[in-house]
N, C-alpha and C. Protein backbone atom coordinates (compact mmCIF):
# COMPACT_ATOMS: atom_id res chain seq x y z
N MET A 1 130.71 -121.56 -186.12
CA MET A 1 131.61 -121.40 -187.25
C MET A 1 132.98 -121.93 -186.77
N GLU A 2 133.60 -122.78 -187.61
CA GLU A 2 134.73 -123.37 -187.27
C GLU A 2 135.95 -122.80 -188.12
N LEU A 3 137.19 -122.76 -187.70
CA LEU A 3 138.24 -122.20 -188.42
C LEU A 3 138.57 -122.92 -189.67
N HIS A 4 138.32 -124.22 -189.78
CA HIS A 4 138.50 -124.98 -191.02
C HIS A 4 137.43 -124.80 -191.97
N SER A 5 136.11 -124.18 -191.56
CA SER A 5 135.05 -124.30 -192.51
C SER A 5 135.01 -122.59 -193.14
N LEU A 6 136.02 -121.80 -192.70
CA LEU A 6 136.12 -120.43 -193.34
C LEU A 6 136.44 -120.50 -194.76
N GLN A 7 136.05 -119.49 -195.38
CA GLN A 7 136.32 -119.60 -196.88
C GLN A 7 137.73 -119.05 -197.14
N LYS A 8 138.40 -119.56 -197.97
CA LYS A 8 139.88 -119.16 -198.20
C LYS A 8 139.81 -117.89 -198.95
N ILE A 9 140.85 -117.04 -198.59
CA ILE A 9 140.96 -115.69 -199.17
C ILE A 9 142.51 -115.73 -199.63
N ASN A 10 142.70 -115.64 -200.97
CA ASN A 10 144.06 -115.69 -201.46
C ASN A 10 144.55 -114.36 -201.89
N ILE A 11 143.67 -113.45 -201.75
CA ILE A 11 143.96 -111.96 -202.34
C ILE A 11 144.97 -111.32 -201.28
N LYS A 12 146.14 -110.96 -201.78
CA LYS A 12 147.03 -110.10 -200.88
C LYS A 12 146.75 -108.71 -201.05
N GLY A 13 146.99 -108.09 -200.17
CA GLY A 13 146.85 -106.55 -200.12
C GLY A 13 147.93 -105.77 -200.88
N LYS A 14 147.91 -104.55 -201.31
CA LYS A 14 148.87 -103.93 -201.95
C LYS A 14 149.93 -103.57 -201.02
N ARG A 15 151.23 -103.68 -201.56
CA ARG A 15 152.28 -103.41 -200.64
C ARG A 15 152.54 -101.94 -200.40
N ARG A 16 152.40 -101.50 -199.28
CA ARG A 16 152.57 -100.12 -198.90
C ARG A 16 154.02 -99.70 -198.61
N LEU A 17 154.79 -99.27 -199.50
CA LEU A 17 156.23 -99.18 -199.31
C LEU A 17 156.41 -97.75 -198.73
N GLY A 18 157.50 -97.85 -197.94
CA GLY A 18 158.04 -96.31 -197.52
C GLY A 18 157.03 -95.73 -196.58
N GLN A 19 156.48 -96.65 -195.56
CA GLN A 19 155.55 -96.12 -194.56
C GLN A 19 156.04 -96.17 -193.20
N GLY A 20 157.32 -96.25 -193.02
CA GLY A 20 157.91 -96.31 -191.65
C GLY A 20 158.02 -97.62 -191.08
N HIS A 21 158.34 -97.60 -189.66
CA HIS A 21 158.61 -98.63 -189.02
C HIS A 21 157.48 -99.51 -188.66
N GLY A 22 156.30 -99.01 -188.50
CA GLY A 22 155.15 -99.68 -188.21
C GLY A 22 154.71 -100.59 -189.24
N SER A 23 155.10 -100.26 -190.49
CA SER A 23 154.72 -101.08 -191.73
C SER A 23 155.20 -102.53 -191.87
N GLY A 24 156.36 -102.70 -191.00
CA GLY A 24 157.09 -103.96 -191.07
C GLY A 24 158.15 -104.04 -192.05
N ARG A 25 158.28 -102.90 -192.89
CA ARG A 25 159.30 -102.79 -193.94
C ARG A 25 160.21 -101.55 -193.37
N VAL A 26 161.26 -101.96 -192.57
CA VAL A 26 162.00 -100.91 -192.00
C VAL A 26 163.27 -100.78 -192.96
N LYS A 27 164.11 -99.89 -192.59
CA LYS A 27 165.38 -99.59 -193.27
C LYS A 27 165.09 -99.18 -194.75
N THR A 28 165.20 -100.17 -195.60
CA THR A 28 165.08 -99.82 -197.19
C THR A 28 163.51 -99.64 -197.50
N ALA A 29 162.61 -99.93 -196.50
CA ALA A 29 161.30 -99.85 -196.73
C ALA A 29 160.64 -100.65 -198.02
N GLY A 30 161.37 -101.77 -198.35
CA GLY A 30 160.81 -102.63 -199.25
C GLY A 30 161.13 -102.13 -200.73
N ARG A 31 162.15 -101.21 -200.79
CA ARG A 31 162.49 -100.62 -202.06
C ARG A 31 163.82 -101.26 -202.48
N GLY A 32 164.42 -102.24 -201.87
CA GLY A 32 165.76 -102.81 -202.28
C GLY A 32 166.73 -101.87 -201.75
N THR A 33 168.00 -102.06 -202.32
CA THR A 33 169.08 -101.03 -201.83
C THR A 33 169.63 -100.30 -203.03
N LYS A 34 169.68 -98.95 -202.77
CA LYS A 34 170.19 -98.11 -203.95
C LYS A 34 169.41 -98.10 -205.17
N GLY A 35 169.91 -97.36 -206.08
CA GLY A 35 169.22 -97.48 -207.42
C GLY A 35 168.12 -96.40 -207.67
N GLN A 36 167.83 -96.37 -209.00
CA GLN A 36 166.94 -95.24 -209.46
C GLN A 36 165.49 -95.34 -208.83
N HIS A 37 165.01 -96.72 -208.80
CA HIS A 37 163.62 -96.93 -208.23
C HIS A 37 163.55 -96.92 -206.79
N ALA A 38 164.69 -96.94 -206.00
CA ALA A 38 164.59 -96.81 -204.58
C ALA A 38 164.38 -95.38 -203.98
N ARG A 39 164.57 -94.48 -204.94
CA ARG A 39 164.43 -93.03 -204.43
C ARG A 39 163.17 -92.45 -204.79
N ASN A 40 162.70 -92.53 -205.99
CA ASN A 40 161.44 -92.00 -206.33
C ASN A 40 160.74 -92.77 -207.61
N THR A 41 159.72 -92.31 -207.97
CA THR A 41 159.10 -92.86 -209.21
C THR A 41 159.69 -92.53 -210.44
N VAL A 42 159.72 -93.28 -211.48
CA VAL A 42 160.25 -92.88 -212.83
C VAL A 42 159.15 -92.85 -213.80
N PRO A 43 159.01 -91.73 -214.66
CA PRO A 43 157.92 -91.64 -215.51
C PRO A 43 157.98 -92.74 -216.49
N LEU A 44 156.83 -93.01 -217.03
CA LEU A 44 156.56 -94.11 -218.07
C LEU A 44 157.29 -93.79 -219.33
N SER A 45 157.37 -92.48 -219.70
CA SER A 45 157.93 -92.07 -220.92
C SER A 45 159.45 -92.17 -220.85
N PHE A 46 160.27 -92.29 -219.69
CA PHE A 46 161.58 -92.32 -219.48
C PHE A 46 162.21 -93.59 -220.14
N GLU A 47 163.29 -93.36 -221.01
CA GLU A 47 163.85 -94.50 -221.79
C GLU A 47 165.18 -94.80 -221.45
N GLY A 48 165.52 -94.52 -220.17
CA GLY A 48 166.97 -94.91 -219.56
C GLY A 48 167.85 -94.04 -220.13
N GLY A 49 167.61 -92.70 -220.28
CA GLY A 49 168.55 -91.70 -220.78
C GLY A 49 168.68 -91.58 -222.20
N ALA A 50 168.13 -92.53 -223.17
CA ALA A 50 168.27 -92.42 -224.52
C ALA A 50 167.37 -91.27 -224.97
N LEU A 51 167.65 -90.84 -226.17
CA LEU A 51 166.74 -89.73 -226.82
C LEU A 51 165.35 -90.35 -226.86
N PRO A 52 164.47 -89.73 -226.21
CA PRO A 52 163.01 -90.19 -226.19
C PRO A 52 162.38 -90.21 -227.73
N LEU A 53 161.57 -91.27 -227.78
CA LEU A 53 160.88 -91.56 -229.08
C LEU A 53 160.23 -90.25 -229.61
N ILE A 54 159.64 -89.58 -228.82
CA ILE A 54 158.98 -88.41 -229.42
C ILE A 54 159.89 -87.39 -230.08
N LYS A 55 161.19 -87.27 -229.58
CA LYS A 55 162.11 -86.33 -230.01
C LYS A 55 162.87 -87.01 -231.35
N ARG A 56 162.79 -88.23 -231.41
CA ARG A 56 163.62 -88.96 -232.62
C ARG A 56 162.51 -88.87 -233.76
N LEU A 57 161.18 -88.74 -233.77
CA LEU A 57 160.28 -88.65 -234.75
C LEU A 57 160.45 -87.15 -235.61
N PRO A 58 160.14 -87.19 -236.79
CA PRO A 58 160.23 -85.91 -237.54
C PRO A 58 159.02 -84.99 -237.19
N PHE A 59 159.26 -83.72 -237.40
CA PHE A 59 158.28 -82.79 -237.25
C PHE A 59 157.04 -83.09 -238.15
N LEU A 60 155.88 -82.84 -237.74
CA LEU A 60 154.70 -82.82 -238.67
C LEU A 60 154.57 -81.35 -239.45
N ARG A 61 154.97 -81.34 -240.59
CA ARG A 61 155.15 -80.13 -241.27
C ARG A 61 154.08 -79.94 -242.47
N GLY A 62 153.76 -78.89 -242.81
CA GLY A 62 153.09 -78.65 -244.12
C GLY A 62 151.67 -77.96 -244.01
N LYS A 63 151.18 -77.64 -245.11
CA LYS A 63 149.72 -76.90 -245.08
C LYS A 63 148.69 -77.70 -244.30
N ASP A 64 148.56 -78.90 -244.77
CA ASP A 64 147.39 -79.76 -244.29
C ASP A 64 147.80 -80.78 -243.11
N LYS A 65 148.57 -80.22 -242.15
CA LYS A 65 149.02 -81.04 -241.06
C LYS A 65 147.86 -81.37 -240.12
N ASN A 66 146.91 -80.62 -240.06
CA ASN A 66 145.63 -80.64 -239.23
C ASN A 66 144.51 -81.09 -240.07
N HIS A 67 144.71 -81.49 -241.27
CA HIS A 67 143.57 -81.91 -242.12
C HIS A 67 142.51 -83.03 -241.52
N ALA A 68 143.09 -83.94 -240.81
CA ALA A 68 142.21 -84.87 -240.19
C ALA A 68 141.30 -84.15 -239.12
N LEU A 69 141.72 -83.20 -238.53
CA LEU A 69 140.95 -82.59 -237.35
C LEU A 69 139.96 -81.65 -237.87
N ARG A 70 139.95 -81.34 -239.27
CA ARG A 70 139.09 -80.37 -239.68
C ARG A 70 137.66 -80.89 -239.55
N ILE A 71 136.74 -80.12 -239.41
CA ILE A 71 135.29 -80.39 -239.18
C ILE A 71 134.66 -80.56 -240.51
N LYS A 72 134.08 -81.77 -240.91
CA LYS A 72 133.60 -82.13 -242.11
C LYS A 72 132.05 -81.92 -242.05
N PRO A 73 131.32 -81.48 -243.28
CA PRO A 73 129.97 -81.31 -243.06
C PRO A 73 129.26 -82.63 -243.16
N VAL A 74 128.03 -82.64 -242.76
CA VAL A 74 127.08 -83.81 -242.82
C VAL A 74 126.85 -84.14 -244.28
N VAL A 75 127.05 -85.28 -244.69
CA VAL A 75 126.88 -85.63 -246.23
C VAL A 75 125.59 -86.19 -246.41
N LEU A 76 124.97 -85.72 -247.48
CA LEU A 76 123.71 -86.28 -248.00
C LEU A 76 123.91 -86.61 -249.52
N ASN A 77 123.58 -87.85 -250.01
CA ASN A 77 123.51 -88.10 -251.42
C ASN A 77 122.18 -87.71 -251.98
N VAL A 78 122.35 -87.52 -253.37
CA VAL A 78 121.25 -87.07 -254.16
C VAL A 78 120.22 -87.99 -254.16
N SER A 79 120.51 -89.27 -254.05
CA SER A 79 119.47 -90.29 -254.06
C SER A 79 118.52 -90.30 -252.91
N LEU A 80 119.07 -89.82 -251.75
CA LEU A 80 118.11 -89.66 -250.63
C LEU A 80 116.98 -88.61 -250.87
N LEU A 81 117.34 -87.60 -251.85
CA LEU A 81 116.43 -86.46 -251.91
C LEU A 81 115.17 -86.89 -252.68
N ASN A 82 115.11 -87.98 -253.37
CA ASN A 82 114.05 -88.67 -254.20
C ASN A 82 112.77 -88.84 -253.21
N ARG A 83 112.94 -89.00 -251.75
CA ARG A 83 111.88 -89.05 -250.84
C ARG A 83 111.15 -87.80 -250.74
N LEU A 84 111.79 -86.60 -251.13
CA LEU A 84 111.08 -85.34 -250.81
C LEU A 84 109.97 -85.12 -251.89
N PRO A 85 109.06 -84.16 -251.51
CA PRO A 85 107.87 -83.95 -252.46
C PRO A 85 108.48 -83.16 -253.60
N LYS A 86 107.69 -83.28 -254.84
CA LYS A 86 108.15 -82.57 -256.02
C LYS A 86 108.20 -81.08 -255.79
N ASN A 87 109.15 -80.39 -256.41
CA ASN A 87 109.46 -78.94 -256.33
C ASN A 87 109.62 -78.41 -254.84
N ALA A 88 110.06 -79.18 -253.93
CA ALA A 88 110.15 -78.68 -252.49
C ALA A 88 111.35 -77.80 -252.50
N ASP A 89 111.08 -76.81 -251.57
CA ASP A 89 112.23 -75.81 -251.35
C ASP A 89 113.10 -76.47 -250.23
N VAL A 90 114.34 -77.01 -250.66
CA VAL A 90 115.16 -77.66 -249.72
C VAL A 90 116.24 -76.67 -249.03
N THR A 91 115.85 -76.46 -247.82
CA THR A 91 116.85 -75.72 -246.95
C THR A 91 117.27 -76.62 -245.87
N ILE A 92 118.16 -76.01 -244.93
CA ILE A 92 118.69 -76.94 -243.80
C ILE A 92 117.61 -77.25 -242.86
N GLU A 93 116.80 -76.20 -242.69
CA GLU A 93 115.56 -76.32 -241.80
C GLU A 93 114.60 -77.48 -242.34
N PHE A 94 114.35 -77.53 -243.65
CA PHE A 94 113.42 -78.46 -244.24
C PHE A 94 114.05 -79.85 -244.11
N LEU A 95 115.35 -79.90 -244.22
CA LEU A 95 116.01 -81.20 -244.05
C LEU A 95 115.88 -81.92 -242.67
N VAL A 96 115.96 -80.86 -241.59
CA VAL A 96 115.79 -81.29 -240.22
C VAL A 96 114.43 -81.81 -239.94
N ALA A 97 113.51 -81.01 -240.54
CA ALA A 97 112.01 -81.36 -240.29
C ALA A 97 111.74 -82.65 -241.01
N GLN A 98 112.28 -82.94 -242.14
CA GLN A 98 112.13 -84.34 -242.75
C GLN A 98 112.87 -85.36 -242.10
N LYS A 99 113.72 -85.14 -241.07
CA LYS A 99 114.60 -86.12 -240.46
C LYS A 99 115.62 -86.75 -241.17
N LEU A 100 116.09 -86.13 -242.23
CA LEU A 100 117.24 -86.55 -242.99
C LEU A 100 118.67 -86.32 -242.27
N VAL A 101 118.60 -85.24 -241.38
CA VAL A 101 119.78 -84.87 -240.73
C VAL A 101 119.28 -84.34 -239.27
N SER A 102 120.18 -84.46 -238.34
CA SER A 102 119.90 -84.02 -236.87
C SER A 102 120.13 -82.62 -236.67
N ALA A 103 119.45 -81.87 -235.93
CA ALA A 103 119.60 -80.43 -235.81
C ALA A 103 120.91 -80.09 -235.11
N ARG A 104 121.34 -81.11 -234.15
CA ARG A 104 122.57 -80.84 -233.41
C ARG A 104 123.71 -81.06 -234.37
N GLU A 105 123.74 -82.11 -235.31
CA GLU A 105 124.99 -82.24 -236.04
C GLU A 105 124.94 -81.08 -237.15
N VAL A 106 123.74 -80.51 -237.66
CA VAL A 106 123.88 -79.48 -238.57
C VAL A 106 124.44 -78.28 -237.87
N ALA A 107 124.03 -78.02 -236.60
CA ALA A 107 124.44 -76.75 -235.98
C ALA A 107 126.11 -76.94 -235.81
N GLU A 108 126.60 -77.98 -235.54
CA GLU A 108 128.14 -78.30 -235.50
C GLU A 108 128.82 -78.24 -236.75
N ARG A 109 128.31 -78.99 -237.69
CA ARG A 109 129.21 -79.22 -238.87
C ARG A 109 128.61 -78.74 -240.15
N GLY A 110 127.13 -78.35 -240.26
CA GLY A 110 126.70 -77.86 -241.62
C GLY A 110 126.24 -79.12 -242.44
N VAL A 111 125.79 -78.80 -243.58
CA VAL A 111 125.24 -79.86 -244.59
C VAL A 111 125.81 -79.76 -245.93
N LYS A 112 126.08 -80.72 -246.66
CA LYS A 112 126.61 -80.84 -248.16
C LYS A 112 125.93 -81.90 -248.80
N ILE A 113 125.42 -81.59 -249.96
CA ILE A 113 124.84 -82.59 -250.79
C ILE A 113 125.83 -82.98 -251.89
N LEU A 114 126.02 -84.35 -251.96
CA LEU A 114 126.94 -85.02 -252.86
C LEU A 114 126.12 -85.68 -253.93
N GLY A 115 126.81 -86.03 -255.08
CA GLY A 115 126.24 -86.67 -256.44
C GLY A 115 126.16 -88.01 -256.41
N ASP A 116 126.15 -88.78 -255.32
CA ASP A 116 126.08 -90.44 -255.53
C ASP A 116 124.59 -90.70 -255.61
N GLY A 117 124.19 -91.48 -256.62
CA GLY A 117 122.96 -91.92 -256.98
C GLY A 117 122.34 -91.15 -257.98
N GLU A 118 121.11 -91.38 -258.21
CA GLU A 118 120.23 -90.72 -259.30
C GLU A 118 119.12 -89.94 -258.67
N LEU A 119 118.71 -88.72 -259.30
CA LEU A 119 117.61 -88.00 -258.77
C LEU A 119 116.57 -87.82 -259.85
N THR A 120 115.41 -88.11 -259.47
CA THR A 120 114.23 -87.97 -260.48
C THR A 120 113.28 -86.96 -260.10
N THR A 121 113.35 -86.38 -258.90
CA THR A 121 112.33 -85.41 -258.52
C THR A 121 112.97 -84.00 -258.66
N PRO A 122 112.27 -83.17 -259.20
CA PRO A 122 112.79 -81.67 -259.53
C PRO A 122 112.56 -80.92 -258.06
N LEU A 123 113.73 -80.28 -257.65
CA LEU A 123 113.79 -79.60 -256.38
C LEU A 123 114.35 -78.38 -256.51
N ILE A 124 114.10 -77.42 -255.47
CA ILE A 124 114.90 -76.20 -255.48
C ILE A 124 115.77 -76.29 -254.19
N ILE A 125 117.09 -76.28 -254.55
CA ILE A 125 118.07 -76.57 -253.52
C ILE A 125 118.69 -75.20 -252.91
N ARG A 126 118.65 -75.11 -251.57
CA ARG A 126 119.36 -73.89 -250.99
C ARG A 126 120.51 -74.26 -249.83
N VAL A 127 121.14 -75.29 -250.23
CA VAL A 127 122.20 -76.03 -249.43
C VAL A 127 123.44 -76.08 -250.32
N ALA A 128 124.51 -76.16 -249.63
CA ALA A 128 125.84 -76.43 -250.33
C ALA A 128 125.84 -77.71 -251.10
N VAL A 129 126.16 -77.60 -252.41
CA VAL A 129 126.14 -78.85 -253.15
C VAL A 129 127.42 -79.16 -254.00
N SER A 130 127.77 -80.22 -254.26
CA SER A 130 128.94 -80.42 -254.96
C SER A 130 128.73 -80.23 -256.59
N GLU A 131 129.76 -80.32 -257.34
CA GLU A 131 129.48 -80.03 -258.74
C GLU A 131 128.89 -81.21 -259.49
N SER A 132 129.02 -82.44 -258.96
CA SER A 132 128.17 -83.61 -259.77
C SER A 132 126.84 -83.56 -259.19
N ALA A 133 126.38 -83.09 -258.04
CA ALA A 133 125.12 -83.08 -257.44
C ALA A 133 124.47 -81.96 -258.11
N ARG A 134 125.16 -80.84 -258.43
CA ARG A 134 124.49 -79.70 -259.15
C ARG A 134 124.07 -80.13 -260.59
N GLU A 135 124.87 -80.85 -261.24
CA GLU A 135 124.44 -81.29 -262.58
C GLU A 135 123.22 -82.26 -262.53
N LYS A 136 123.34 -83.13 -261.66
CA LYS A 136 122.08 -84.15 -261.50
C LYS A 136 120.81 -83.44 -261.05
N ILE A 137 120.74 -82.30 -260.26
CA ILE A 137 119.76 -81.68 -259.79
C ILE A 137 119.17 -80.89 -260.96
N VAL A 138 119.99 -80.28 -261.58
CA VAL A 138 119.56 -79.44 -262.98
C VAL A 138 119.11 -80.34 -263.92
N LYS A 139 119.64 -81.54 -264.15
CA LYS A 139 119.24 -82.55 -265.23
C LYS A 139 117.70 -83.10 -264.82
N ALA A 140 117.50 -83.23 -263.50
CA ALA A 140 116.18 -83.70 -263.15
C ALA A 140 115.10 -82.57 -263.11
N GLY A 141 115.52 -81.31 -263.49
CA GLY A 141 114.57 -80.24 -263.65
C GLY A 141 114.46 -79.39 -262.50
N GLY A 142 115.51 -79.50 -261.63
CA GLY A 142 115.47 -78.52 -260.41
C GLY A 142 116.39 -77.46 -260.72
N LYS A 143 116.47 -76.58 -259.41
CA LYS A 143 117.29 -75.39 -259.47
C LYS A 143 118.12 -75.54 -258.18
N VAL A 144 119.46 -74.96 -258.30
CA VAL A 144 120.29 -74.76 -257.26
C VAL A 144 120.48 -73.35 -257.01
N GLU A 145 120.02 -72.80 -255.95
CA GLU A 145 120.21 -71.34 -255.65
C GLU A 145 121.60 -71.14 -254.74
N PRO A 146 122.17 -69.96 -255.01
CA PRO A 146 123.43 -69.75 -254.05
C PRO A 146 122.95 -69.76 -252.65
N VAL A 147 123.92 -70.29 -251.90
CA VAL A 147 123.80 -70.45 -250.33
C VAL A 147 124.54 -69.20 -249.74
N SER A 148 123.83 -68.53 -248.80
CA SER A 148 124.47 -67.32 -248.07
C SER A 148 125.35 -68.07 -247.07
N THR A 149 126.60 -67.52 -247.04
CA THR A 149 127.67 -68.05 -246.02
C THR A 149 127.70 -67.08 -244.94
N GLU A 150 126.95 -66.10 -244.81
CA GLU A 150 127.01 -65.12 -243.70
C GLU A 150 126.43 -65.78 -242.43
N VAL A 151 127.20 -65.35 -241.32
CA VAL A 151 126.84 -65.79 -240.03
C VAL A 151 125.71 -64.78 -239.54
N LYS A 152 124.53 -65.25 -239.07
CA LYS A 152 123.62 -64.32 -238.51
C LYS A 152 123.95 -63.77 -237.06
N ALA A 153 124.03 -62.47 -236.99
CA ALA A 153 124.30 -61.98 -235.67
C ALA A 153 123.07 -62.00 -234.73
N SER A 154 123.18 -62.51 -233.67
CA SER A 154 122.01 -62.63 -232.74
C SER A 154 122.25 -61.58 -231.58
């Protein structure tokens, strides 16, 4: 192996500042002379003494300030229910068994049927429904039974 045949390495190592005399950066330790950065680190959010941006913005006020964070139910449209057998008893367990919704999502978020599309199959629904979905289910010859909102104690 010859020195001239070695592969060139152009990557410089990270400068280790403030590591004492053995580092080769004595006295100011590679931090220049005086000043804010010579003494310690400055947070990224520091704006040079001006009023920080977060304090310049208005407060988020009002009733629905966390509306975007609210957990929304899994949505099923009425048109998807045409796949189900005639006069089927539609519950959350039935929807999971038919693989229209996943069990994990239902446990976290719940299910609601919305009225997008048309329904031709009469069904008995025991899931939360919107008003337009209720009308379409009844029009197709089905029934919407009230849903219990009680949490089962285990």
